[in-house]
């Protein structure tokens, strides 16, 4: 009798993180991150810059959720895969702030997967001024 184990593709690894985020399950999201993961939020707003390490990435997402009182959504619209664990996700990000500000932005997340964990996220903002106005 042989047993086979399924190794998740880089696209499946990234999809599992989107699913965990969509459920609000930051613990499952964290489990899919490399311990030295980085997230580069490429925008000059209050959340901008590079967040280094699993805890910092989760804190960045938790703060985003707190600022939107749980309304932040990230809906993938296309996934492109490349060599060496590279995955690009076209994603629509939306949310509402408690003061009524809303936004919807089409962005690109460039990810690198090592093994079955995401090592890096590079977040490219579609409309930087609108995103800055929303977060600040």
C-alpha atoms as a PDB file:
ATOM      1  CA  UNK A   1       0.000   0.000   0.000  1.00  0.00           C
ATOM      2  CA  UNK A   2       1.382   3.373  -0.928  1.00  0.00           C
ATOM      3  CA  UNK A   3       0.467   6.643   0.575  1.00  0.00           C
ATOM      4  CA  UNK A   4       0.796   9.923  -1.163  1.00  0.00           C
ATOM      5  CA  UNK A   5       0.753  13.301   0.411  1.00  0.00           C
ATOM      6  CA  UNK A   6      -0.391  16.404  -1.352  1.00  0.00           C
ATOM      7  CA  UNK A   7       1.981  19.325  -1.294  1.00  0.00           C
ATOM      8  CA  UNK A   8       0.105  22.561  -1.793  1.00  0.00           C
ATOM      9  CA  UNK A   9       1.093  24.618  -4.812  1.00  0.00           C
ATOM     10  CA  UNK A  10       2.203  28.199  -4.167  1.00  0.00           C
ATOM     11  CA  UNK A  11      -1.169  29.419  -5.513  1.00  0.00           C
ATOM     12  CA  UNK A  12      -3.009  27.111  -3.086  1.00  0.00           C
ATOM     13  CA  UNK A  13      -0.897  28.378  -0.182  1.00  0.00           C
ATOM     14  CA  UNK A  14      -1.742  31.992  -1.025  1.00  0.00           C
ATOM     15  CA  UNK A  15      -5.431  31.122  -1.563  1.00  0.00           C
ATOM     16  CA  UNK A  16      -5.565  29.524   1.883  1.00  0.00           C
ATOM     17  CA  UNK A  17      -4.351  32.783   3.433  1.00  0.00           C
ATOM     18  CA  UNK A  18      -7.025  34.780   1.601  1.00  0.00           C
ATOM     19  CA  UNK A  19      -9.630  32.284   2.840  1.00  0.00           C
ATOM     20  CA  UNK A  20      -8.385  32.560   6.442  1.00  0.00           C
ATOM     21  CA  UNK A  21      -8.419  36.376   6.246  1.00  0.00           C
ATOM     22  CA  UNK A  22     -11.931  36.296   4.782  1.00  0.00           C
ATOM     23  CA  UNK A  23     -13.105  34.231   7.776  1.00  0.00           C
ATOM     24  CA  UNK A  24     -11.365  36.615  10.167  1.00  0.00           C
ATOM     25  CA  UNK A  25      -9.124  33.744  11.291  1.00  0.00           C
ATOM     26  CA  UNK A  26      -5.807  35.479  11.892  1.00  0.00           C
ATOM     27  CA  UNK A  27      -4.475  32.411  13.713  1.00  0.00           C
ATOM     28  CA  UNK A  28      -4.852  30.292  10.569  1.00  0.00           C
ATOM     29  CA  UNK A  29      -3.457  33.187   8.523  1.00  0.00           C
ATOM     30  CA  UNK A  30      -0.387  33.320  10.782  1.00  0.00           C
ATOM     31  CA  UNK A  31       0.112  29.568  10.426  1.00  0.00           C
ATOM     32  CA  UNK A  32       0.539  30.067   6.669  1.00  0.00           C
ATOM     33  CA  UNK A  33       3.300  32.639   7.108  1.00  0.00           C
ATOM     34  CA  UNK A  34       7.023  31.994   7.185  1.00  0.00           C
ATOM     35  CA  UNK A  35       8.370  33.030  10.629  1.00  0.00           C
ATOM     36  CA  UNK A  36      10.414  35.779   8.927  1.00  0.00           C
ATOM     37  CA  UNK A  37       7.604  36.907   6.612  1.00  0.00           C
ATOM     38  CA  UNK A  38       7.476  40.488   5.411  1.00  0.00           C
ATOM     39  CA  UNK A  39       4.601  42.598   4.124  1.00  0.00           C
ATOM     40  CA  UNK A  40       5.469  45.758   2.218  1.00  0.00           C
ATOM     41  CA  UNK A  41       2.460  48.094   2.149  1.00  0.00           C
ATOM     42  CA  UNK A  42       3.704  50.428  -0.585  1.00  0.00           C
ATOM     43  CA  UNK A  43       1.810  53.566   0.366  1.00  0.00           C
ATOM     44  CA  UNK A  44       2.676  56.590   2.525  1.00  0.00           C
ATOM     45  CA  UNK A  45      -0.283  56.195   4.895  1.00  0.00           C
ATOM     46  CA  UNK A  46      -0.417  55.260   8.596  1.00  0.00           C
ATOM     47  CA  UNK A  47      -0.069  51.546   7.722  1.00  0.00           C
ATOM     48  CA  UNK A  48       2.668  52.046   5.118  1.00  0.00           C
ATOM     49  CA  UNK A  49       6.087  50.496   5.099  1.00  0.00           C
ATOM     50  CA  UNK A  50       7.571  47.072   5.626  1.00  0.00           C
ATOM     51  CA  UNK A  51       6.177  44.898   8.404  1.00  0.00           C
ATOM     52  CA  UNK A  52       8.849  42.335   9.348  1.00  0.00           C
ATOM     53  CA  UNK A  53       8.156  38.984  10.962  1.00  0.00           C
ATOM     54  CA  UNK A  54       5.020  36.882  11.352  1.00  0.00           C
ATOM     55  CA  UNK A  55       3.822  38.829  14.411  1.00  0.00           C
ATOM     56  CA  UNK A  56       4.280  42.199  12.694  1.00  0.00           C
ATOM     57  CA  UNK A  57       2.386  41.054   9.589  1.00  0.00           C
ATOM     58  CA  UNK A  58      -0.502  39.772  11.711  1.00  0.00           C
ATOM     59  CA  UNK A  59      -0.484  43.002  13.765  1.00  0.00           C
ATOM     60  CA  UNK A  60      -0.673  45.030  10.512  1.00  0.00           C
ATOM     61  CA  UNK A  61      -3.729  43.058   9.384  1.00  0.00           C
ATOM     62  CA  UNK A  62      -5.322  43.207  12.837  1.00  0.00           C
ATOM     63  CA  UNK A  63      -4.879  47.002  12.893  1.00  0.00           C
ATOM     64  CA  UNK A  64      -6.426  47.245   9.419  1.00  0.00           C
ATOM     65  CA  UNK A  65      -9.388  45.228  10.675  1.00  0.00           C
ATOM     66  CA  UNK A  66      -9.694  47.317  13.831  1.00  0.00           C
ATOM     67  CA  UNK A  67      -9.665  50.583  11.872  1.00  0.00           C
ATOM     68  CA  UNK A  68     -12.498  49.305   9.668  1.00  0.00           C
ATOM     69  CA  UNK A  69     -14.417  47.634  12.490  1.00  0.00           C
ATOM     70  CA  UNK A  70     -14.171  44.322  10.657  1.00  0.00           C
ATOM     71  CA  UNK A  71     -15.419  45.545   7.264  1.00  0.00           C
ATOM     72  CA  UNK A  72     -12.094  45.186   5.428  1.00  0.00           C
ATOM     73  CA  UNK A  73     -12.393  42.749   2.525  1.00  0.00           C
ATOM     74  CA  UNK A  74      -9.792  41.371   0.135  1.00  0.00           C
ATOM     75  CA  UNK A  75     -11.369  39.644  -2.862  1.00  0.00           C
ATOM     76  CA  UNK A  76      -8.954  37.991  -5.299  1.00  0.00           C
ATOM     77  CA  UNK A  77      -9.990  38.457  -8.922  1.00  0.00           C
ATOM     78  CA  UNK A  78      -7.076  36.678 -10.642  1.00  0.00           C
ATOM     79  CA  UNK A  79      -4.054  34.618  -9.630  1.00  0.00           C
ATOM     80  CA  UNK A  80      -0.910  34.381 -11.723  1.00  0.00           C
ATOM     81  CA  UNK A  81       1.839  31.911 -10.905  1.00  0.00           C
ATOM     82  CA  UNK A  82       5.463  31.948 -11.897  1.00  0.00           C
ATOM     83  CA  UNK A  83       8.654  30.144 -11.118  1.00  0.00           C
ATOM     84  CA  UNK A  84      10.323  29.746  -7.732  1.00  0.00           C
ATOM     85  CA  UNK A  85       7.134  30.113  -5.679  1.00  0.00           C
ATOM     86  CA  UNK A  86       6.098  33.456  -7.103  1.00  0.00           C
ATOM     87  CA  UNK A  87       2.400  34.285  -7.102  1.00  0.00           C
ATOM     88  CA  UNK A  88       0.714  37.538  -8.142  1.00  0.00           C
ATOM     89  CA  UNK A  89      -2.834  38.189  -7.008  1.00  0.00           C
ATOM     90  CA  UNK A  90      -5.067  40.845  -8.507  1.00  0.00           C
ATOM     91  CA  UNK A  91      -7.291  41.804  -5.611  1.00  0.00           C
ATOM     92  CA  UNK A  92     -10.075  44.244  -4.825  1.00  0.00           C
ATOM     93  CA  UNK A  93      -9.682  45.718  -1.348  1.00  0.00           C
ATOM     94  CA  UNK A  94     -12.655  47.465   0.252  1.00  0.00           C
ATOM     95  CA  UNK A  95     -13.741  48.689   3.629  1.00  0.00           C
ATOM     96  CA  UNK A  96     -15.583  51.289   5.656  1.00  0.00           C
ATOM     97  CA  UNK A  97     -14.238  53.468   8.467  1.00  0.00           C
ATOM     98  CA  UNK A  98     -16.430  54.253  11.503  1.00  0.00           C
ATOM     99  CA  UNK A  99     -16.770  57.874  10.309  1.00  0.00           C
ATOM    100  CA  UNK A 100     -18.401  56.648   7.074  1.00  0.00           C
ATOM    101  CA  UNK A 101     -15.392  56.848   4.746  1.00  0.00           C
ATOM    102  CA  UNK A 102     -15.370  53.984   2.263  1.00  0.00           C
ATOM    103  CA  UNK A 103     -12.970  52.772  -0.348  1.00  0.00           C
ATOM    104  CA  UNK A 104     -12.554  50.156  -3.015  1.00  0.00           C
ATOM    105  CA  UNK A 105      -9.169  49.792  -4.625  1.00  0.00           C
ATOM    106  CA  UNK A 106      -7.814  47.365  -7.216  1.00  0.00           C
ATOM    107  CA  UNK A 107      -4.376  46.245  -6.125  1.00  0.00           C
ATOM    108  CA  UNK A 108      -1.687  43.676  -6.852  1.00  0.00           C
ATOM    109  CA  UNK A 109      -0.111  41.471  -4.194  1.00  0.00           C
ATOM    110  CA  UNK A 110       3.155  39.914  -5.310  1.00  0.00           C
ATOM    111  CA  UNK A 111       3.965  36.960  -3.062  1.00  0.00           C
ATOM    112  CA  UNK A 112       6.850  34.564  -2.666  1.00  0.00           C
ATOM    113  CA  UNK A 113       6.065  31.156  -1.182  1.00  0.00           C
ATOM    114  CA  UNK A 114       8.782  29.011   0.410  1.00  0.00           C
ATOM    115  CA  UNK A 115       7.733  25.464   1.160  1.00  0.00           C
ATOM    116  CA  UNK A 116       4.118  25.832   2.174  1.00  0.00           C
ATOM    117  CA  UNK A 117       4.406  29.278   3.782  1.00  0.00           C
ATOM    118  CA  UNK A 118       4.343  32.780   2.375  1.00  0.00           C
ATOM    119  CA  UNK A 119       7.666  34.546   2.841  1.00  0.00           C
ATOM    120  CA  UNK A 120       6.923  37.953   1.289  1.00  0.00           C
ATOM    121  CA  UNK A 121       4.006  40.133   0.275  1.00  0.00           C
ATOM    122  CA  UNK A 122       4.534  43.242  -1.836  1.00  0.00           C
ATOM    123  CA  UNK A 123       1.316  45.255  -1.925  1.00  0.00           C
ATOM    124  CA  UNK A 124       0.977  47.583  -4.906  1.00  0.00           C
ATOM    125  CA  UNK A 125      -1.781  50.146  -4.406  1.00  0.00           C
ATOM    126  CA  UNK A 126      -4.019  51.080  -7.331  1.00  0.00           C
ATOM    127  CA  UNK A 127      -5.003  54.597  -6.206  1.00  0.00           C
ATOM    128  CA  UNK A 128      -2.450  55.751  -3.606  1.00  0.00           C
ATOM    129  CA  UNK A 129      -4.072  59.151  -2.798  1.00  0.00           C
ATOM    130  CA  UNK A 130      -7.484  57.546  -2.193  1.00  0.00           C
ATOM    131  CA  UNK A 131      -6.004  54.808  -0.005  1.00  0.00           C
ATOM    132  CA  UNK A 132      -4.009  57.384   1.988  1.00  0.00           C
ATOM    133  CA  UNK A 133      -7.162  59.465   2.514  1.00  0.00           C
ATOM    134  CA  UNK A 134      -8.997  56.367   3.704  1.00  0.00           C
ATOM    135  CA  UNK A 135      -6.388  55.212   6.247  1.00  0.00           C
ATOM    136  CA  UNK A 136      -5.234  58.612   7.579  1.00  0.00           C
END
